[in-house]
Protein backbone atom coordinates (compact mmCIF):
# COMPACT_ATOMS: atom_id res chain seq x y z
CA MET A 1 188.70 165.15 181.17
CA SER A 2 186.73 166.41 178.39
CA ARG A 3 188.51 166.91 175.10
CA TYR A 4 189.47 170.62 173.73
CA THR A 5 188.61 171.63 170.29
CA LEU A 6 191.62 172.00 167.69
CA TYR A 7 191.63 174.72 165.15
CA ILE A 8 194.49 175.08 162.66
CA LEU A 9 194.85 178.75 161.01
CA PRO A 10 195.00 178.01 157.18
CA GLN A 11 198.48 179.06 156.35
CA THR A 12 199.54 176.33 159.20
CA PHE A 13 197.69 173.84 157.60
CA ASN A 14 199.66 174.60 154.40
CA ALA A 15 202.47 174.77 156.15
CA ILE A 16 202.08 171.51 157.63
CA LYS A 17 201.66 169.90 154.35
CA THR A 18 205.30 171.00 152.89
CA LEU A 19 206.85 169.24 156.09
CA PRO A 20 209.27 166.54 155.31
CA GLY A 21 207.33 163.11 155.42
CA ASN A 22 208.92 161.88 159.35
CA ILE A 23 208.23 165.17 160.70
CA ARG A 24 204.79 165.83 159.24
CA GLN A 25 203.82 163.08 160.69
CA ARG A 26 205.15 163.55 163.93
CA VAL A 27 203.48 166.97 164.01
CA LYS A 28 200.28 165.72 163.04
CA ARG A 29 200.31 163.26 166.13
CA ALA A 30 201.59 165.69 168.54
CA ILE A 31 198.64 168.43 167.72
CA ASP A 32 196.11 165.76 167.98
CA GLN A 33 197.37 164.99 171.37
CA LEU A 34 197.10 168.72 172.38
CA ALA A 35 193.19 168.05 172.24
CA ASP A 36 193.47 165.44 174.78
CA ASP A 37 195.97 167.07 176.93
CA PRO A 38 196.95 170.49 175.90
CA ARG A 39 199.74 171.48 178.20
CA PRO A 40 201.82 168.41 178.27
CA THR A 41 204.75 167.89 180.76
CA GLN A 42 207.36 169.01 177.55
CA SER A 43 205.62 172.06 176.75
CA LYS A 44 206.92 175.61 177.73
CA ILE A 45 204.84 178.59 178.77
CA LEU A 46 205.77 181.58 176.01
CA THR A 47 205.01 185.11 177.91
CA VAL A 48 203.38 188.10 175.44
CA ALA A 49 201.90 190.95 177.04
CA ASP A 50 198.31 191.47 177.34
CA ALA A 51 197.55 188.02 176.06
CA GLU A 52 194.33 186.81 176.89
CA TYR A 53 195.28 183.43 175.71
CA GLU A 54 197.63 180.92 177.43
CA LEU A 55 200.38 181.11 174.83
CA ARG A 56 202.73 177.65 174.77
CA ARG A 57 205.12 176.06 172.45
CA LEU A 58 205.92 172.10 171.86
CA ARG A 59 209.17 171.22 170.56
CA LEU A 60 209.50 168.11 168.29
CA GLY A 61 213.34 168.18 167.84
CA ARG A 62 214.09 171.40 165.63
CA TRP A 63 210.47 172.06 165.38
CA ARG A 64 208.48 173.95 167.48
CA ILE A 65 204.39 173.88 167.54
CA ILE A 66 203.37 177.34 168.66
CA TYR A 67 199.78 177.24 170.02
CA ALA A 68 197.26 179.20 172.45
CA ILE A 69 194.80 177.58 174.64
CA THR A 70 191.61 179.52 175.63
CA GLU A 71 190.00 177.76 178.49
CA ALA A 72 186.96 179.14 178.82
CA GLU A 73 185.95 177.98 175.58
CA LYS A 74 188.13 174.73 175.51
CA PHE A 75 189.89 175.64 172.32
CA VAL A 76 193.53 175.09 170.83
CA ASP A 77 194.13 177.25 168.34
CA VAL A 78 197.67 175.97 166.56
CA LEU A 79 199.28 179.17 165.48
CA ALA A 80 202.63 177.77 163.78
CA VAL A 81 205.13 174.99 162.91
CA ARG A 82 208.77 176.39 162.53
CA LYS A 83 211.92 175.09 162.76
CA ARG A 84 214.56 176.84 165.02
CA PRO A 85 216.82 177.99 164.69
CA PRO A 86 216.52 180.41 162.81
CA TYR A 87 212.95 181.50 164.21
CA ASP A 88 213.40 183.16 167.29
CA TYR A 89 209.76 183.81 168.35
CA GLY A 90 209.67 187.44 167.28
CA ASP A 91 206.07 187.04 165.97
CA LEU A 92 204.01 186.40 168.73
CA GLU A 93 202.24 188.81 169.01
CA ALA A 94 201.33 189.06 165.04
CA LEU A 95 200.32 185.50 165.27
CA LEU A 96 197.97 186.01 168.13
CA GLN A 97 196.14 188.84 166.09
CA GLU A 98 195.50 185.99 163.49
CA ILE A 99 193.04 183.96 165.98
């Protein structure tokens, strides 16, 4: 299986840098593993109307990694790392516009 290319949005990269140390390390490892397996068994598909990307979320305790997969180019775009609650996935369409 070929390795996917990872892209992290600049605001997401900055948000990751401000996470608590133990969570930051878990998030970095999980994102790195997405390059080898962008569809791990614990990830879930998120549905958005008229999406040309496969949008997924990966749960790490109370934190969620929101990412999009572009299969044709073998890209994984990391869109956000959010804490749940209070995050409710209400901004998915806005996140997709930033790709």
